[in-house]
Amino acid sequence: MKIFIKVKPAAGKNKVEKIDESHYKVWVTKVPEKGKANKAVISVLSKHFNLSKSKIIIISGGKSSSKIIEVS
């Protein structure tokens, strides 16, 4: 399944908010440098969906706050 997320890096806490079936907002505490925020997004989503991190892949938006994620 593909989901579209809007990431808010350097937030106060890690959090996932579902907007609709395929759109989410994700807050992560990590800063967006050297892929730290992307790793945190994968970690937070893996906990939210109760999946391993290897099942979550960033398809598009590696350097953007808007991302497309493949969840398998």
C-alpha atoms as a PDB file:
ATOM      1  CA  MET A   1       0.000   0.000   0.000  1.00  0.00           C
ATOM      2  CA  LYS A   2       1.226   3.503  -0.788  1.00  0.00           C
ATOM      3  CA  ILE A   3       0.771   6.291   1.721  1.00  0.00           C
ATOM      4  CA  PHE A   4       1.475   9.990   1.423  1.00  0.00           C
ATOM      5  CA  ILE A   5       3.009  11.700   4.420  1.00  0.00           C
ATOM      6  CA  LYS A   6       3.929  15.206   5.478  1.00  0.00           C
ATOM      7  CA  VAL A   7       6.904  15.175   7.858  1.00  0.00           C
ATOM      8  CA  LYS A   8       7.534  17.713  10.600  1.00  0.00           C
ATOM      9  CA  PRO A   9      11.191  17.226  11.670  1.00  0.00           C
ATOM     10  CA  ALA A  10      12.741  18.518  14.904  1.00  0.00           C
ATOM     11  CA  ALA A  11       9.404  18.201  16.696  1.00  0.00           C
ATOM     12  CA  GLY A  12       8.953  17.871  20.423  1.00  0.00           C
ATOM     13  CA  LYS A  13       7.946  14.194  20.193  1.00  0.00           C
ATOM     14  CA  ASN A  14       7.434  11.391  17.694  1.00  0.00           C
ATOM     15  CA  LYS A  15       3.818  11.135  16.574  1.00  0.00           C
ATOM     16  CA  VAL A  16       1.674   9.879  13.675  1.00  0.00           C
ATOM     17  CA  GLU A  17      -1.684  11.408  12.769  1.00  0.00           C
ATOM     18  CA  LYS A  18      -3.960   9.766  10.210  1.00  0.00           C
ATOM     19  CA  ILE A  19      -5.720  12.273   7.953  1.00  0.00           C
ATOM     20  CA  ASP A  20      -7.496   9.758   5.718  1.00  0.00           C
ATOM     21  CA  GLU A  21      -6.881   6.242   4.379  1.00  0.00           C
ATOM     22  CA  SER A  22      -3.704   7.190   2.503  1.00  0.00           C
ATOM     23  CA  HIS A  23      -2.553  10.509   4.012  1.00  0.00           C
ATOM     24  CA  TYR A  24      -0.695  10.958   7.296  1.00  0.00           C
ATOM     25  CA  LYS A  25       1.219  13.613   9.212  1.00  0.00           C
ATOM     26  CA  VAL A  26       4.371  12.396  10.965  1.00  0.00           C
ATOM     27  CA  TRP A  27       6.325  14.317  13.600  1.00  0.00           C
ATOM     28  CA  VAL A  28       9.877  13.202  14.430  1.00  0.00           C
ATOM     29  CA  THR A  29      12.371  14.565  16.939  1.00  0.00           C
ATOM     30  CA  LYS A  30      15.373  14.119  14.630  1.00  0.00           C
ATOM     31  CA  VAL A  31      16.704  16.952  12.484  1.00  0.00           C
ATOM     32  CA  PRO A  32      16.671  16.690   8.677  1.00  0.00           C
ATOM     33  CA  GLU A  33      20.384  16.191   8.090  1.00  0.00           C
ATOM     34  CA  LYS A  34      22.286  13.155   6.812  1.00  0.00           C
ATOM     35  CA  GLY A  35      19.074  11.088   6.597  1.00  0.00           C
ATOM     36  CA  LYS A  36      18.405  11.185  10.347  1.00  0.00           C
ATOM     37  CA  ALA A  37      14.799  12.354   9.967  1.00  0.00           C
ATOM     38  CA  ASN A  38      14.096   9.768   7.230  1.00  0.00           C
ATOM     39  CA  LYS A  39      15.340   6.962   9.478  1.00  0.00           C
ATOM     40  CA  ALA A  40      13.181   8.306  12.287  1.00  0.00           C
ATOM     41  CA  VAL A  41      10.134   8.416   9.977  1.00  0.00           C
ATOM     42  CA  ILE A  42      10.643   4.751   9.081  1.00  0.00           C
ATOM     43  CA  SER A  43      11.042   3.863  12.748  1.00  0.00           C
ATOM     44  CA  VAL A  44       7.923   5.773  13.835  1.00  0.00           C
ATOM     45  CA  LEU A  45       5.825   4.310  11.006  1.00  0.00           C
ATOM     46  CA  SER A  46       7.034   0.780  11.755  1.00  0.00           C
ATOM     47  CA  LYS A  47       5.790   1.169  15.330  1.00  0.00           C
ATOM     48  CA  HIS A  48       2.507   2.739  14.177  1.00  0.00           C
ATOM     49  CA  PHE A  49       1.745  -0.054  11.687  1.00  0.00           C
ATOM     50  CA  ASN A  50       3.335  -2.757  13.891  1.00  0.00           C
ATOM     51  CA  LEU A  51       5.675  -3.866  11.087  1.00  0.00           C
ATOM     52  CA  SER A  52       9.408  -4.349  10.764  1.00  0.00           C
ATOM     53  CA  LYS A  53      11.406  -1.412   9.402  1.00  0.00           C
ATOM     54  CA  SER A  54      12.309  -3.420   6.286  1.00  0.00           C
ATOM     55  CA  LYS A  55       8.618  -3.379   5.237  1.00  0.00           C
ATOM     56  CA  ILE A  56       8.598   0.445   4.969  1.00  0.00           C
ATOM     57  CA  ILE A  57      10.362   2.118   2.037  1.00  0.00           C
ATOM     58  CA  ILE A  58      10.557   5.795   1.049  1.00  0.00           C
ATOM     59  CA  ILE A  59       9.685   5.796  -2.660  1.00  0.00           C
ATOM     60  CA  SER A  60       9.752   9.537  -3.266  1.00  0.00           C
ATOM     61  CA  GLY A  61      10.647  12.691  -1.361  1.00  0.00           C
ATOM     62  CA  GLY A  62      13.909  11.673   0.296  1.00  0.00           C
ATOM     63  CA  LYS A  63      14.912  15.337   0.638  1.00  0.00           C
ATOM     64  CA  SER A  64      11.419  16.788   0.970  1.00  0.00           C
ATOM     65  CA  SER A  65       8.899  17.043   3.790  1.00  0.00           C
ATOM     66  CA  SER A  66       6.271  15.474   1.505  1.00  0.00           C
ATOM     67  CA  LYS A  67       7.005  11.802   0.959  1.00  0.00           C
ATOM     68  CA  ILE A  68       5.470   8.757  -0.683  1.00  0.00           C
ATOM     69  CA  ILE A  69       5.958   5.599   1.373  1.00  0.00           C
ATOM     70  CA  GLU A  70       5.460   1.972   0.366  1.00  0.00           C
ATOM     71  CA  VAL A  71       4.175  -0.165   3.229  1.00  0.00           C
ATOM     72  CA  SER A  72       4.174  -3.895   2.512  1.00  0.00           C
END
